[in-house]
Amino acid sequence: MPKKALMIDYEYCSGCHTCEVACKQEHNYPVGKGGIRMNEIITELPDGKLRIDYLPFPTAYCDLCANRVSKGEQPACVKHCQAQVMYYGTVTELAKIMDEKSHCVMYTPR
């Protein structure tokens, strides 16, 4: 069976935190615990302006919503991503998508 993964194209992530909320609700996680965490990266540009990038990143609690996926559904974070920058599929499928993107990360749970 092909290995499944989560891919995030963080170049267009808006930082809305919907992935975090969806994950917490799906798994009923308490405050401070979740399967995905939004990281905010602030960079000062040469002209003195600030650039803010957002990187949602799975935590050790992420199981790619095994319960949902076993029913043929997408992981909660993928389903609810407002910017549509999260993808779920086989590593091979996602690698093809990554070839067309420039700012992606891929996550496969243990």
PDB file of N, CA and C in Angstrom:
ATOM      1  N   MET A   1       0.845  -1.178   0.000  1.00  0.00           N
ATOM      2  CA  MET A   1       0.000   0.000   0.000  1.00  0.00           C
ATOM      3  C   MET A   1       0.895   1.247   0.000  1.00  0.00           C
ATOM      4  N   PRO A   2       0.633   2.192  -0.897  1.00  0.00           N
ATOM      5  CA  PRO A   2       1.466   3.397  -0.979  1.00  0.00           C
ATOM      6  C   PRO A   2       1.391   4.238   0.299  1.00  0.00           C
ATOM      7  N   LYS A   3       2.527   4.788   0.685  1.00  0.00           N
ATOM      8  CA  LYS A   3       2.592   5.633   1.881  1.00  0.00           C
ATOM      9  C   LYS A   3       1.883   6.960   1.633  1.00  0.00           C
ATOM     10  N   LYS A   4       1.076   7.376   2.591  1.00  0.00           N
ATOM     11  CA  LYS A   4       0.315   8.634   2.493  1.00  0.00           C
ATOM     12  C   LYS A   4       1.067   9.748   3.223  1.00  0.00           C
ATOM     13  N   ALA A   5       0.802  10.985   2.799  1.00  0.00           N
ATOM     14  CA  ALA A   5       1.487  12.130   3.380  1.00  0.00           C
ATOM     15  C   ALA A   5       0.623  13.384   3.309  1.00  0.00           C
ATOM     16  N   LEU A   6       1.065  14.399   4.006  1.00  0.00           N
ATOM     17  CA  LEU A   6       0.463  15.722   3.995  1.00  0.00           C
ATOM     18  C   LEU A   6       1.488  16.672   3.399  1.00  0.00           C
ATOM     19  N   MET A   7       1.070  17.477   2.429  1.00  0.00           N
ATOM     20  CA  MET A   7       1.964  18.472   1.844  1.00  0.00           C
ATOM     21  C   MET A   7       1.356  19.841   2.064  1.00  0.00           C
ATOM     22  N   ILE A   8       2.210  20.792   2.433  1.00  0.00           N
ATOM     23  CA  ILE A   8       1.761  22.162   2.682  1.00  0.00           C
ATOM     24  C   ILE A   8       2.565  23.108   1.812  1.00  0.00           C
ATOM     25  N   ASP A   9       1.862  23.885   0.993  1.00  0.00           N
ATOM     26  CA  ASP A   9       2.485  24.916   0.159  1.00  0.00           C
ATOM     27  C   ASP A   9       2.430  26.210   0.967  1.00  0.00           C
ATOM     28  N   TYR A  10       3.458  26.425   1.796  1.00  0.00           N
ATOM     29  CA  TYR A  10       3.395  27.539   2.726  1.00  0.00           C
ATOM     30  C   TYR A  10       3.611  28.902   2.081  1.00  0.00           C
ATOM     31  N   GLU A  11       3.948  28.948   0.810  1.00  0.00           N
ATOM     32  CA  GLU A  11       4.117  30.234   0.135  1.00  0.00           C
ATOM     33  C   GLU A  11       2.820  31.045   0.166  1.00  0.00           C
ATOM     34  N   TYR A  12       1.682  30.366   0.121  1.00  0.00           N
ATOM     35  CA  TYR A  12       0.401  31.061   0.059  1.00  0.00           C
ATOM     36  C   TYR A  12      -0.443  30.904   1.319  1.00  0.00           C
ATOM     37  N   CYS A  13       0.126  30.355   2.381  1.00  0.00           N
ATOM     38  CA  CYS A  13      -0.616  30.228   3.642  1.00  0.00           C
ATOM     39  C   CYS A  13      -0.886  31.623   4.191  1.00  0.00           C
ATOM     40  N   SER A  14      -2.139  31.876   4.557  1.00  0.00           N
ATOM     41  CA  SER A  14      -2.528  33.197   5.059  1.00  0.00           C
ATOM     42  C   SER A  14      -2.438  33.307   6.575  1.00  0.00           C
ATOM     43  N   GLY A  15      -2.140  32.207   7.254  1.00  0.00           N
ATOM     44  CA  GLY A  15      -2.021  32.240   8.709  1.00  0.00           C
ATOM     45  C   GLY A  15      -3.343  32.322   9.432  1.00  0.00           C
ATOM     46  N   CYS A  16      -4.403  31.809   8.846  1.00  0.00           N
ATOM     47  CA  CYS A  16      -5.745  31.944   9.428  1.00  0.00           C
ATOM     48  C   CYS A  16      -5.986  31.022  10.629  1.00  0.00           C
ATOM     49  N   HIS A  17      -5.142  30.031  10.827  1.00  0.00           N
ATOM     50  CA  HIS A  17      -5.241  29.084  11.951  1.00  0.00           C
ATOM     51  C   HIS A  17      -6.416  28.113  11.835  1.00  0.00           C
ATOM     52  N   THR A  18      -7.111  28.094  10.700  1.00  0.00           N
ATOM     53  CA  THR A  18      -8.245  27.184  10.552  1.00  0.00           C
ATOM     54  C   THR A  18      -7.804  25.726  10.669  1.00  0.00           C
ATOM     55  N   CYS A  19      -6.608  25.409  10.189  1.00  0.00           N
ATOM     56  CA  CYS A  19      -6.105  24.034  10.287  1.00  0.00           C
ATOM     57  C   CYS A  19      -5.963  23.618  11.754  1.00  0.00           C
ATOM     58  N   GLU A  20      -5.477  24.534  12.577  1.00  0.00           N
ATOM     59  CA  GLU A  20      -5.331  24.242  14.011  1.00  0.00           C
ATOM     60  C   GLU A  20      -6.695  24.011  14.661  1.00  0.00           C
ATOM     61  N   VAL A  21      -7.634  24.878  14.371  1.00  0.00           N
ATOM     62  CA  VAL A  21      -8.974  24.768  14.953  1.00  0.00           C
ATOM     63  C   VAL A  21      -9.639  23.460  14.508  1.00  0.00           C
ATOM     64  N   ALA A  22      -9.559  23.157  13.219  1.00  0.00           N
ATOM     65  CA  ALA A  22     -10.175  21.928  12.699  1.00  0.00           C
ATOM     66  C   ALA A  22      -9.576  20.693  13.369  1.00  0.00           C
ATOM     67  N   CYS A  23      -8.262  20.692  13.544  1.00  0.00           N
ATOM     68  CA  CYS A  23      -7.584  19.558  14.179  1.00  0.00           C
ATOM     69  C   CYS A  23      -8.019  19.408  15.631  1.00  0.00           C
ATOM     70  N   LYS A  24      -8.009  20.518  16.362  1.00  0.00           N
ATOM     71  CA  LYS A  24      -8.405  20.467  17.775  1.00  0.00           C
ATOM     72  C   LYS A  24      -9.842  19.961  17.935  1.00  0.00           C
ATOM     73  N   GLN A  25     -10.743  20.429  17.064  1.00  0.00           N
ATOM     74  CA  GLN A  25     -12.134  19.992  17.150  1.00  0.00           C
ATOM     75  C   GLN A  25     -12.285  18.531  16.753  1.00  0.00           C
ATOM     76  N   GLU A  26     -11.577  18.116  15.727  1.00  0.00           N
ATOM     77  CA  GLU A  26     -11.670  16.726  15.257  1.00  0.00           C
ATOM     78  C   GLU A  26     -11.230  15.741  16.334  1.00  0.00           C
ATOM     79  N   HIS A  27     -10.159  16.087  17.035  1.00  0.00           N
ATOM     80  CA  HIS A  27      -9.567  15.170  18.021  1.00  0.00           C
ATOM     81  C   HIS A  27      -9.928  15.515  19.467  1.00  0.00           C
ATOM     82  N   ASN A  28     -10.686  16.602  19.648  1.00  0.00           N
ATOM     83  CA  ASN A  28     -11.062  17.041  20.990  1.00  0.00           C
ATOM     84  C   ASN A  28      -9.836  17.274  21.873  1.00  0.00           C
ATOM     85  N   TYR A  29      -8.805  17.895  21.294  1.00  0.00           N
ATOM     86  CA  TYR A  29      -7.588  18.194  22.046  1.00  0.00           C
ATOM     87  C   TYR A  29      -7.832  19.335  23.030  1.00  0.00           C
ATOM     88  N   PRO A  30      -7.181  19.286  24.194  1.00  0.00           N
ATOM     89  CA  PRO A  30      -7.308  20.387  25.160  1.00  0.00           C
ATOM     90  C   PRO A  30      -6.449  21.583  24.716  1.00  0.00           C
ATOM     91  N   VAL A  31      -6.629  22.696  25.369  1.00  0.00           N
ATOM     92  CA  VAL A  31      -5.839  23.890  25.086  1.00  0.00           C
ATOM     93  C   VAL A  31      -4.354  23.547  25.209  1.00  0.00           C
ATOM     94  N   GLY A  32      -3.569  24.013  24.262  1.00  0.00           N
ATOM     95  CA  GLY A  32      -2.127  23.792  24.293  1.00  0.00           C
ATOM     96  C   GLY A  32      -1.663  22.528  23.589  1.00  0.00           C
ATOM     97  N   LYS A  33      -2.608  21.709  23.147  1.00  0.00           N
ATOM     98  CA  LYS A  33      -2.249  20.461  22.466  1.00  0.00           C
ATOM     99  C   LYS A  33      -2.956  20.435  21.120  1.00  0.00           C
ATOM    100  N   GLY A  34      -2.268  19.956  20.100  1.00  0.00           N
ATOM    101  CA  GLY A  34      -2.882  19.857  18.783  1.00  0.00           C
ATOM    102  C   GLY A  34      -1.992  19.112  17.823  1.00  0.00           C
ATOM    103  N   GLY A  35      -2.566  18.670  16.745  1.00  0.00           N
ATOM    104  CA  GLY A  35      -1.830  17.911  15.746  1.00  0.00           C
ATOM    105  C   GLY A  35      -1.134  18.778  14.715  1.00  0.00           C
ATOM    106  N   ILE A  36      -1.429  20.083  14.724  1.00  0.00           N
ATOM    107  CA  ILE A  36      -0.767  21.000  13.805  1.00  0.00           C
ATOM    108  C   ILE A  36      -0.602  22.339  14.521  1.00  0.00           C
ATOM    109  N   ARG A  37       0.525  22.981  14.266  1.00  0.00           N
ATOM    110  CA  ARG A  37       0.812  24.255  14.929  1.00  0.00           C
ATOM    111  C   ARG A  37       1.224  25.289  13.891  1.00  0.00           C
ATOM    112  N   MET A  38       0.673  26.483  14.014  1.00  0.00           N
ATOM    113  CA  MET A  38       1.008  27.570  13.091  1.00  0.00           C
ATOM    114  C   MET A  38       2.249  28.295  13.592  1.00  0.00           C
ATOM    115  N   ASN A  39       3.280  28.308  12.766  1.00  0.00           N
ATOM    116  CA  ASN A  39       4.505  29.042  13.082  1.00  0.00           C
ATOM    117  C   ASN A  39       4.518  30.334  12.284  1.00  0.00           C
ATOM    118  N   GLU A  40       4.880  31.409  12.937  1.00  0.00           N
ATOM    119  CA  GLU A  40       4.962  32.713  12.290  1.00  0.00           C
ATOM    120  C   GLU A  40       6.442  33.074  12.168  1.00  0.00           C
ATOM    121  N   ILE A  41       6.869  33.335  10.952  1.00  0.00           N
ATOM    122  CA  ILE A  41       8.272  33.660  10.701  1.00  0.00           C
ATOM    123  C   ILE A  41       8.341  35.106  10.228  1.00  0.00           C
ATOM    124  N   ILE A  42       9.019  35.941  11.004  1.00  0.00           N
ATOM    125  CA  ILE A  42       9.133  37.358  10.677  1.00  0.00           C
ATOM    126  C   ILE A  42      10.558  37.641  10.227  1.00  0.00           C
ATOM    127  N   THR A  43      10.680  38.226   9.045  1.00  0.00           N
ATOM    128  CA  THR A  43      11.985  38.542   8.470  1.00  0.00           C
ATOM    129  C   THR A  43      12.056  40.031   8.172  1.00  0.00           C
ATOM    130  N   GLU A  44      13.142  40.658   8.604  1.00  0.00           N
ATOM    131  CA  GLU A  44      13.331  42.061   8.248  1.00  0.00           C
ATOM    132  C   GLU A  44      14.025  42.117   6.897  1.00  0.00           C
ATOM    133  N   LEU A  45      13.421  42.832   5.966  1.00  0.00           N
ATOM    134  CA  LEU A  45      13.949  42.965   4.620  1.00  0.00           C
ATOM    135  C   LEU A  45      14.991  44.080   4.570  1.00  0.00           C
ATOM    136  N   PRO A  46      15.847  44.081   3.532  1.00  0.00           N
ATOM    137  CA  PRO A  46      16.895  45.102   3.422  1.00  0.00           C
ATOM    138  C   PRO A  46      16.366  46.542   3.470  1.00  0.00           C
ATOM    139  N   ASP A  47      15.127  46.756   3.019  1.00  0.00           N
ATOM    140  CA  ASP A  47      14.566  48.110   3.028  1.00  0.00           C
ATOM    141  C   ASP A  47      13.922  48.473   4.373  1.00  0.00           C
ATOM    142  N   GLY A  48      14.078  47.597   5.368  1.00  0.00           N
ATOM    143  CA  GLY A  48      13.550  47.870   6.700  1.00  0.00           C
ATOM    144  C   GLY A  48      12.134  47.372   6.923  1.00  0.00           C
ATOM    145  N   LYS A  49      11.447  46.952   5.883  1.00  0.00           N
ATOM    146  CA  LYS A  49      10.090  46.430   6.021  1.00  0.00           C
ATOM    147  C   LYS A  49      10.149  45.016   6.583  1.00  0.00           C
ATOM    148  N   LEU A  50       9.033  44.586   7.138  1.00  0.00           N
ATOM    149  CA  LEU A  50       8.952  43.235   7.672  1.00  0.00           C
ATOM    150  C   LEU A  50       8.148  42.347   6.741  1.00  0.00           C
ATOM    151  N   ARG A  51       8.599  41.121   6.617  1.00  0.00           N
ATOM    152  CA  ARG A  51       7.858  40.113   5.852  1.00  0.00           C
ATOM    153  C   ARG A  51       7.410  39.050   6.856  1.00  0.00           C
ATOM    154  N   ILE A  52       6.135  38.713   6.814  1.00  0.00           N
ATOM    155  CA  ILE A  52       5.608  37.696   7.720  1.00  0.00           C
ATOM    156  C   ILE A  52       5.172  36.497   6.895  1.00  0.00           C
ATOM    157  N   ASP A  53       5.752  35.357   7.190  1.00  0.00           N
ATOM    158  CA  ASP A  53       5.376  34.106   6.541  1.00  0.00           C
ATOM    159  C   ASP A  53       4.772  33.187   7.594  1.00  0.00           C
ATOM    160  N   TYR A  54       3.858  32.357   7.164  1.00  0.00           N
ATOM    161  CA  TYR A  54       3.202  31.413   8.063  1.00  0.00           C
ATOM    162  C   TYR A  54       3.514  30.000   7.611  1.00  0.00           C
ATOM    163  N   LEU A  55       3.853  29.156   8.575  1.00  0.00           N
ATOM    164  CA  LEU A  55       4.172  27.775   8.275  1.00  0.00           C
ATOM    165  C   LEU A  55       3.420  26.857   9.221  1.00  0.00           C
ATOM    166  N   PRO A  56       2.280  26.306   8.751  1.00  0.00           N
ATOM    167  CA  PRO A  56       1.596  25.318   9.583  1.00  0.00           C
ATOM    168  C   PRO A  56       2.413  24.031   9.544  1.00  0.00           C
ATOM    169  N   PHE A  57       2.697  23.482  10.715  1.00  0.00           N
ATOM    170  CA  PHE A  57       3.548  22.298  10.747  1.00  0.00           C
ATOM    171  C   PHE A  57       2.961  21.250  11.682  1.00  0.00           C
ATOM    172  N   PRO A  58       2.843  20.015  11.204  1.00  0.00           N
ATOM    173  CA  PRO A  58       2.306  18.937  12.042  1.00  0.00           C
ATOM    174  C   PRO A  58       3.179  18.690  13.272  1.00  0.00           C
ATOM    175  N   THR A  59       2.530  18.330  14.367  1.00  0.00           N
ATOM    176  CA  THR A  59       3.237  18.005  15.602  1.00  0.00           C
ATOM    177  C   THR A  59       3.288  16.480  15.754  1.00  0.00           C
ATOM    178  N   ALA A  60       3.867  16.045  16.839  1.00  0.00           N
ATOM    179  CA  ALA A  60       3.955  14.603  17.120  1.00  0.00           C
ATOM    180  C   ALA A  60       2.569  13.979  17.313  1.00  0.00           C
ATOM    181  N   TYR A  61       1.543  14.792  17.564  1.00  0.00           N
ATOM    182  CA  TYR A  61       0.189  14.273  17.760  1.00  0.00           C
ATOM    183  C   TYR A  61      -0.551  14.013  16.446  1.00  0.00           C
ATOM    184  N   CYS A  62       0.011  14.462  15.325  1.00  0.00           N
ATOM    185  CA  CYS A  62      -0.656  14.294  14.035  1.00  0.00           C
ATOM    186  C   CYS A  62      -0.627  12.834  13.593  1.00  0.00           C
ATOM    187  N   ASP A  63      -1.795  12.295  13.324  1.00  0.00           N
ATOM    188  CA  ASP A  63      -1.912  10.937  12.777  1.00  0.00           C
ATOM    189  C   ASP A  63      -2.569  10.986  11.397  1.00  0.00           C
ATOM    190  N   LEU A  64      -2.559  12.179  10.789  1.00  0.00           N
ATOM    191  CA  LEU A  64      -3.213  12.427   9.498  1.00  0.00           C
ATOM    192  C   LEU A  64      -4.689  12.034   9.551  1.00  0.00           C
ATOM    193  N   CYS A  65      -5.287  12.248  10.703  1.00  0.00           N
ATOM    194  CA  CYS A  65      -6.715  11.952  10.903  1.00  0.00           C
ATOM    195  C   CYS A  65      -7.052  10.534  10.435  1.00  0.00           C
ATOM    196  N   ALA A  66      -6.321   9.579  10.966  1.00  0.00           N
ATOM    197  CA  ALA A  66      -6.490   8.176  10.566  1.00  0.00           C
ATOM    198  C   ALA A  66      -7.955   7.737  10.574  1.00  0.00           C
ATOM    199  N   ASN A  67      -8.717   8.186  11.540  1.00  0.00           N
ATOM    200  CA  ASN A  67     -10.135   7.825  11.634  1.00  0.00           C
ATOM    201  C   ASN A  67     -10.912   8.342  10.423  1.00  0.00           C
ATOM    202  N   ARG A  68     -10.717   9.610  10.080  1.00  0.00           N
ATOM    203  CA  ARG A  68     -11.403  10.221   8.927  1.00  0.00           C
ATOM    204  C   ARG A  68     -10.954   9.557   7.632  1.00  0.00           C
ATOM    205  N   VAL A  69      -9.650   9.386   7.489  1.00  0.00           N
ATOM    206  CA  VAL A  69      -9.083   8.830   6.258  1.00  0.00           C
ATOM    207  C   VAL A  69      -9.572   7.404   6.023  1.00  0.00           C
ATOM    208  N   SER A  70      -9.745   6.635   7.105  1.00  0.00           N
ATOM    209  CA  SER A  70     -10.232   5.252   6.959  1.00  0.00           C
ATOM    210  C   SER A  70     -11.650   5.209   6.396  1.00  0.00           C
ATOM    211  N   LYS A  71     -12.373   6.339   6.509  1.00  0.00           N
ATOM    212  CA  LYS A  71     -13.731   6.445   5.971  1.00  0.00           C
ATOM    213  C   LYS A  71     -13.753   7.097   4.590  1.00  0.00           C
ATOM    214  N   GLY A  72     -12.552   7.340   4.025  1.00  0.00           N
ATOM    215  CA  GLY A  72     -12.473   7.946   2.699  1.00  0.00           C
ATOM    216  C   GLY A  72     -12.498   9.467   2.701  1.00  0.00           C
ATOM    217  N   GLU A  73     -12.408  10.069   3.880  1.00  0.00           N
ATOM    218  CA  GLU A  73     -12.409  11.522   3.991  1.00  0.00           C
ATOM    219  C   GLU A  73     -10.981  12.060   4.044  1.00  0.00           C
ATOM    220  N   GLN A  74     -10.838  13.359   3.844  1.00  0.00           N
ATOM    221  CA  GLN A  74      -9.544  14.013   3.963  1.00  0.00           C
ATOM    222  C   GLN A  74      -9.275  14.340   5.426  1.00  0.00           C
ATOM    223  N   PRO A  75      -7.992  14.519   5.793  1.00  0.00           N
ATOM    224  CA  PRO A  75      -7.701  15.002   7.142  1.00  0.00           C
ATOM    225  C   PRO A  75      -8.419  16.337   7.375  1.00  0.00           C
ATOM    226  N   ALA A  76      -8.790  16.615   8.612  1.00  0.00           N
ATOM    227  CA  ALA A  76      -9.549  17.824   8.942  1.00  0.00           C
ATOM    228  C   ALA A  76      -8.823  19.093   8.505  1.00  0.00           C
ATOM    229  N   CYS A  77      -7.511  19.150   8.693  1.00  0.00           N
ATOM    230  CA  CYS A  77      -6.767  20.361   8.322  1.00  0.00           C
ATOM    231  C   CYS A  77      -6.852  20.618   6.818  1.00  0.00           C
ATOM    232  N   VAL A  78      -6.783  19.576   6.028  1.00  0.00           N
ATOM    233  CA  VAL A  78      -6.859  19.712   4.567  1.00  0.00           C
ATOM    234  C   VAL A  78      -8.254  20.161   4.151  1.00  0.00           C
ATOM    235  N   LYS A  79      -9.264  19.524   4.722  1.00  0.00           N
ATOM    236  CA  LYS A  79     -10.650  19.860   4.372  1.00  0.00           C
ATOM    237  C   LYS A  79     -10.979  21.319   4.673  1.00  0.00           C
ATOM    238  N   HIS A  80     -10.487  21.831   5.777  1.00  0.00           N
ATOM    239  CA  HIS A  80     -10.886  23.160   6.233  1.00  0.00           C
ATOM    240  C   HIS A  80      -9.901  24.274   5.880  1.00  0.00           C
ATOM    241  N   CYS A  81      -8.807  23.968   5.217  1.00  0.00           N
ATOM    242  CA  CYS A  81      -7.806  24.988   4.872  1.00  0.00           C
ATOM    243  C   CYS A  81      -8.427  26.064   3.979  1.00  0.00           C
ATOM    244  N   GLN A  82      -8.526  27.279   4.494  1.00  0.00           N
ATOM    245  CA  GLN A  82      -9.162  28.382   3.768  1.00  0.00           C
ATOM    246  C   GLN A  82      -8.370  28.806   2.538  1.00  0.00           C
ATOM    247  N   ALA A  83      -7.048  28.705   2.600  1.00  0.00           N
ATOM    248  CA  ALA A  83      -6.198  29.118   1.476  1.00  0.00           C
ATOM    249  C   ALA A  83      -5.961  27.975   0.482  1.00  0.00           C
ATOM    250  N   GLN A  84      -6.470  26.800   0.796  1.00  0.00           N
ATOM    251  CA  GLN A  84      -6.316  25.604  -0.045  1.00  0.00           C
ATOM    252  C   GLN A  84      -4.853  25.320  -0.379  1.00  0.00           C
ATOM    253  N   VAL A  85      -4.008  25.352   0.658  1.00  0.00           N
ATOM    254  CA  VAL A  85      -2.582  25.100   0.473  1.00  0.00           C
ATOM    255  C   VAL A  85      -2.140  23.779   1.081  1.00  0.00           C
ATOM    256  N   MET A  86      -3.095  22.994   1.565  1.00  0.00           N
ATOM    257  CA  MET A  86      -2.775  21.700   2.158  1.00  0.00           C
ATOM    258  C   MET A  86      -3.315  20.589   1.259  1.00  0.00           C
ATOM    259  N   TYR A  87      -2.483  19.579   1.065  1.00  0.00           N
ATOM    260  CA  TYR A  87      -2.827  18.476   0.174  1.00  0.00           C
ATOM    261  C   TYR A  87      -2.571  17.166   0.904  1.00  0.00           C
ATOM    262  N   TYR A  88      -3.404  16.164   0.640  1.00  0.00           N
ATOM    263  CA  TYR A  88      -3.242  14.831   1.206  1.00  0.00           C
ATOM    264  C   TYR A  88      -3.252  13.829   0.054  1.00  0.00           C
ATOM    265  N   GLY A  89      -2.325  12.888   0.083  1.00  0.00           N
ATOM    266  CA  GLY A  89      -2.275  11.860  -0.951  1.00  0.00           C
ATOM    267  C   GLY A  89      -1.076  10.970  -0.749  1.00  0.00           C
ATOM    268  N   THR A  90      -0.762  10.206  -1.781  1.00  0.00           N
ATOM    269  CA  THR A  90       0.422   9.351  -1.683  1.00  0.00           C
ATOM    270  C   THR A  90       1.663  10.219  -1.851  1.00  0.00           C
ATOM    271  N   VAL A  91       2.762   9.736  -1.338  1.00  0.00           N
ATOM    272  CA  VAL A  91       4.025  10.461  -1.455  1.00  0.00           C
ATOM    273  C   VAL A  91       4.340  10.712  -2.928  1.00  0.00           C
ATOM    274  N   THR A  92       4.072   9.739  -3.774  1.00  0.00           N
ATOM    275  CA  THR A  92       4.338   9.878  -5.207  1.00  0.00           C
ATOM    276  C   THR A  92       3.482  10.981  -5.828  1.00  0.00           C
ATOM    277  N   GLU A  93       2.188  10.999  -5.499  1.00  0.00           N
ATOM    278  CA  GLU A  93       1.292  12.046  -6.020  1.00  0.00           C
ATOM    279  C   GLU A  93       1.745  13.434  -5.560  1.00  0.00           C
ATOM    280  N   LEU A  94       2.068  13.535  -4.294  1.00  0.00           N
ATOM    281  CA  LEU A  94       2.447  14.832  -3.740  1.00  0.00           C
ATOM    282  C   LEU A  94       3.805  15.301  -4.263  1.00  0.00           C
ATOM    283  N   ALA A  95       4.699  14.357  -4.536  1.00  0.00           N
ATOM    284  CA  ALA A  95       6.009  14.726  -5.095  1.00  0.00           C
ATOM    285  C   ALA A  95       5.841  15.388  -6.464  1.00  0.00           C
ATOM    286  N   LYS A  96       4.874  14.931  -7.235  1.00  0.00           N
ATOM    287  CA  LYS A  96       4.598  15.545  -8.542  1.00  0.00           C
ATOM    288  C   LYS A  96       4.104  16.977  -8.374  1.00  0.00           C
ATOM    289  N   ILE A  97       3.237  17.191  -7.395  1.00  0.00           N
ATOM    290  CA  ILE A  97       2.742  18.544  -7.124  1.00  0.00           C
ATOM    291  C   ILE A  97       3.886  19.431  -6.639  1.00  0.00           C
ATOM    292  N   MET A  98       4.751  18.880  -5.789  1.00  0.00           N
ATOM    293  CA  MET A  98       5.888  19.651  -5.260  1.00  0.00           C
ATOM    294  C   MET A  98       6.818  20.128  -6.360  1.00  0.00           C
ATOM    295  N   ASP A  99       6.932  19.363  -7.425  1.00  0.00           N
ATOM    296  CA  ASP A  99       7.798  19.753  -8.544  1.00  0.00           C
ATOM    297  C   ASP A  99       7.370  21.086  -9.151  1.00  0.00           C
ATOM    298  N   GLU A 100       6.081  21.405  -9.039  1.00  0.00           N
ATOM    299  CA  GLU A 100       5.551  22.638  -9.624  1.00  0.00           C
ATOM    300  C   GLU A 100       5.539  23.798  -8.632  1.00  0.00           C
ATOM    301  N   LYS A 101       5.882  23.547  -7.385  1.00  0.00           N
ATOM    302  CA  LYS A 101       5.830  24.563  -6.322  1.00  0.00           C
ATOM    303  C   LYS A 101       7.251  24.880  -5.861  1.00  0.00           C
ATOM    304  N   SER A 102       7.381  25.975  -5.127  1.00  0.00           N
ATOM    305  CA  SER A 102       8.725  26.321  -4.662  1.00  0.00           C
ATOM    306  C   SER A 102       8.877  26.372  -3.144  1.00  0.00           C
ATOM    307  N   HIS A 103       7.795  26.416  -2.395  1.00  0.00           N
ATOM    308  CA  HIS A 103       7.878  26.544  -0.944  1.00  0.00           C
ATOM    309  C   HIS A 103       6.970  25.526  -0.262  1.00  0.00           C
ATOM    310  N   CYS A 104       7.368  24.267  -0.282  1.00  0.00           N
ATOM    311  CA  CYS A 104       6.530  23.211   0.268  1.00  0.00           C
ATOM    312  C   CYS A 104       7.272  22.369   1.293  1.00  0.00           C
ATOM    313  N   VAL A 105       6.502  21.788   2.183  1.00  0.00           N
ATOM    314  CA  VAL A 105       7.008  20.772   3.094  1.00  0.00           C
ATOM    315  C   VAL A 105       6.078  19.570   2.997  1.00  0.00           C
ATOM    316  N   MET A 106       6.640  18.391   3.210  1.00  0.00           N
ATOM    317  CA  MET A 106       5.841  17.166   3.182  1.00  0.00           C
ATOM    318  C   MET A 106       6.032  16.470   4.514  1.00  0.00           C
ATOM    319  N   TYR A 107       4.944  15.943   5.051  1.00  0.00           N
ATOM    320  CA  TYR A 107       4.958  15.265   6.338  1.00  0.00           C
ATOM    321  C   TYR A 107       4.370  13.875   6.189  1.00  0.00           C
ATOM    322  N   THR A 108       5.098  12.890   6.705  1.00  0.00           N
ATOM    323  CA  THR A 108       4.575  11.529   6.782  1.00  0.00           C
ATOM    324  C   THR A 108       4.705  11.070   8.228  1.00  0.00           C
ATOM    325  N   PRO A 109       3.621  10.643   8.850  1.00  0.00           N
ATOM    326  CA  PRO A 109       3.712  10.199  10.246  1.00  0.00           C
ATOM    327  C   PRO A 109       4.445   8.876  10.347  1.00  0.00           C
ATOM    328  N   ARG A 110       4.942   8.604  11.512  1.00  0.00           N
ATOM    329  CA  ARG A 110       5.665   7.332  11.743  1.00  0.00           C
ATOM    330  C   ARG A 110       4.732   6.177  11.775  1.00  0.00           C
TER     331      ARG A 110
END
